[in-house]
Amino acid sequence: NNIAKNAGHYKGKVFVRARDAILELTTYMLMRSIYQCLQENPDIPFTQAGIDFNGYGIPNMPGSWVRFASKRSYVRAKNCMILK
């Protein structure tokens, strides 16, 4: 909901570094949403997982290389829109 509410800020705007906008839109909004939920209900059980998602993460997912072989990463994208 937070991403949808703030989408207008990103829609049609050209960002010098697309990576910065995407990180702001995803990482910042995720943390903001978690904080809001915990403020509304501090009794929600919440635990931060480790870097490997407490052993449930798949760091080398089979076939994951295909994504980077077929499309360039957004990391180096400059002067572009992230939301049309």
C-alpha atoms as a PDB file:
ATOM      1  CA  ASN A   1       0.000   0.000   0.000  1.00  0.00           C
ATOM      2  CA  ASN A   2       2.824   2.423   0.784  1.00  0.00           C
ATOM      3  CA  ILE A   3       4.415   1.840  -2.618  1.00  0.00           C
ATOM      4  CA  ALA A   4       1.078   2.432  -4.357  1.00  0.00           C
ATOM      5  CA  LYS A   5       0.397   5.570  -2.278  1.00  0.00           C
ATOM      6  CA  ASN A   6       3.778   7.065  -3.183  1.00  0.00           C
ATOM      7  CA  ALA A   7       3.898   5.944  -6.821  1.00  0.00           C
ATOM      8  CA  GLY A   8       2.956   9.438  -8.030  1.00  0.00           C
ATOM      9  CA  HIS A   9       6.341  10.718  -6.894  1.00  0.00           C
ATOM     10  CA  TYR A  10       8.071   8.262  -9.234  1.00  0.00           C
ATOM     11  CA  LYS A  11       5.651   8.192 -12.168  1.00  0.00           C
ATOM     12  CA  GLY A  12       7.115   9.795 -15.287  1.00  0.00           C
ATOM     13  CA  LYS A  13      10.071  11.256 -13.394  1.00  0.00           C
ATOM     14  CA  VAL A  14      13.539  10.821 -14.908  1.00  0.00           C
ATOM     15  CA  PHE A  15      16.143   9.782 -12.357  1.00  0.00           C
ATOM     16  CA  VAL A  16      19.855  10.410 -12.824  1.00  0.00           C
ATOM     17  CA  ARG A  17      20.588   7.013 -11.257  1.00  0.00           C
ATOM     18  CA  ALA A  18      17.733   4.530 -11.566  1.00  0.00           C
ATOM     19  CA  ARG A  19      19.284   2.397  -8.843  1.00  0.00           C
ATOM     20  CA  ASP A  20      18.807   5.113  -6.220  1.00  0.00           C
ATOM     21  CA  ALA A  21      15.126   5.485  -7.020  1.00  0.00           C
ATOM     22  CA  ILE A  22      14.503   1.738  -7.006  1.00  0.00           C
ATOM     23  CA  LEU A  23      16.287   1.266  -3.685  1.00  0.00           C
ATOM     24  CA  GLU A  24      14.319   4.141  -2.189  1.00  0.00           C
ATOM     25  CA  LEU A  25      11.045   2.794  -3.535  1.00  0.00           C
ATOM     26  CA  THR A  26      11.632  -0.766  -2.339  1.00  0.00           C
ATOM     27  CA  THR A  27      13.977  -0.786   0.664  1.00  0.00           C
ATOM     28  CA  TYR A  28      12.750   2.457   2.225  1.00  0.00           C
ATOM     29  CA  MET A  29       9.096   1.602   1.705  1.00  0.00           C
ATOM     30  CA  LEU A  30       9.556  -1.898   3.119  1.00  0.00           C
ATOM     31  CA  MET A  31      11.114  -0.533   6.301  1.00  0.00           C
ATOM     32  CA  ARG A  32       8.503   2.203   6.557  1.00  0.00           C
ATOM     33  CA  SER A  33       5.733  -0.388   6.240  1.00  0.00           C
ATOM     34  CA  ILE A  34       7.283  -2.626   8.897  1.00  0.00           C
ATOM     35  CA  TYR A  35       7.614   0.300  11.316  1.00  0.00           C
ATOM     36  CA  GLN A  36       4.008   1.369  10.692  1.00  0.00           C
ATOM     37  CA  CYS A  37       2.705  -2.147  11.346  1.00  0.00           C
ATOM     38  CA  LEU A  38       4.699  -2.408  14.561  1.00  0.00           C
ATOM     39  CA  GLN A  39       3.520   1.032  15.719  1.00  0.00           C
ATOM     40  CA  GLU A  40      -0.101   0.054  15.118  1.00  0.00           C
ATOM     41  CA  ASN A  41       0.319  -3.316  16.816  1.00  0.00           C
ATOM     42  CA  PRO A  42       3.532  -3.790  18.834  1.00  0.00           C
ATOM     43  CA  ASP A  43       2.441  -7.346  19.695  1.00  0.00           C
ATOM     44  CA  ILE A  44       3.015  -8.583  16.139  1.00  0.00           C
ATOM     45  CA  PRO A  45       5.762 -11.205  16.349  1.00  0.00           C
ATOM     46  CA  PHE A  46       8.638  -9.843  14.314  1.00  0.00           C
ATOM     47  CA  THR A  47      12.145 -11.207  13.840  1.00  0.00           C
ATOM     48  CA  GLN A  48      14.775 -10.047  11.403  1.00  0.00           C
ATOM     49  CA  ALA A  49      16.195 -12.950   9.428  1.00  0.00           C
ATOM     50  CA  GLY A  50      19.909 -13.349   8.853  1.00  0.00           C
ATOM     51  CA  ILE A  51      21.630 -12.758   5.530  1.00  0.00           C
ATOM     52  CA  ASP A  52      20.798 -16.325   4.453  1.00  0.00           C
ATOM     53  CA  PHE A  53      17.188 -16.012   5.679  1.00  0.00           C
ATOM     54  CA  ASN A  54      18.027 -18.253   8.636  1.00  0.00           C
ATOM     55  CA  GLY A  55      19.085 -21.110   6.379  1.00  0.00           C
ATOM     56  CA  TYR A  56      16.057 -20.866   4.079  1.00  0.00           C
ATOM     57  CA  GLY A  57      17.648 -18.651   1.420  1.00  0.00           C
ATOM     58  CA  ILE A  58      18.938 -20.013  -1.869  1.00  0.00           C
ATOM     59  CA  PRO A  59      22.077 -17.956  -2.592  1.00  0.00           C
ATOM     60  CA  ASN A  60      22.848 -19.724  -5.874  1.00  0.00           C
ATOM     61  CA  MET A  61      19.420 -20.449  -7.282  1.00  0.00           C
ATOM     62  CA  PRO A  62      19.649 -22.740 -10.308  1.00  0.00           C
ATOM     63  CA  GLY A  63      19.075 -20.767 -13.500  1.00  0.00           C
ATOM     64  CA  SER A  64      19.393 -17.348 -11.849  1.00  0.00           C
ATOM     65  CA  TRP A  65      22.251 -16.453 -14.226  1.00  0.00           C
ATOM     66  CA  VAL A  66      19.726 -16.329 -17.089  1.00  0.00           C
ATOM     67  CA  ARG A  67      18.304 -13.027 -15.876  1.00  0.00           C
ATOM     68  CA  PHE A  68      21.661 -11.285 -16.151  1.00  0.00           C
ATOM     69  CA  ALA A  69      22.574 -13.044 -19.387  1.00  0.00           C
ATOM     70  CA  SER A  70      19.363 -11.888 -21.076  1.00  0.00           C
ATOM     71  CA  LYS A  71      19.016  -8.315 -19.742  1.00  0.00           C
ATOM     72  CA  ARG A  72      21.450  -5.765 -18.396  1.00  0.00           C
ATOM     73  CA  SER A  73      21.165  -4.874 -14.732  1.00  0.00           C
ATOM     74  CA  TYR A  74      19.510  -1.591 -13.780  1.00  0.00           C
ATOM     75  CA  VAL A  75      22.532  -0.774 -11.583  1.00  0.00           C
ATOM     76  CA  ARG A  76      24.225   1.261 -14.313  1.00  0.00           C
ATOM     77  CA  ALA A  77      21.044   2.735 -15.810  1.00  0.00           C
ATOM     78  CA  LYS A  78      21.097   6.544 -15.913  1.00  0.00           C
ATOM     79  CA  ASN A  79      18.605   9.242 -16.818  1.00  0.00           C
ATOM     80  CA  CYS A  80      15.603   6.972 -17.101  1.00  0.00           C
ATOM     81  CA  MET A  81      12.127   6.461 -15.709  1.00  0.00           C
ATOM     82  CA  ILE A  82      11.380   3.599 -13.368  1.00  0.00           C
ATOM     83  CA  LEU A  83       7.603   4.011 -13.540  1.00  0.00           C
ATOM     84  CA  LYS A  84       5.771   5.182 -16.650  1.00  0.00           C
END
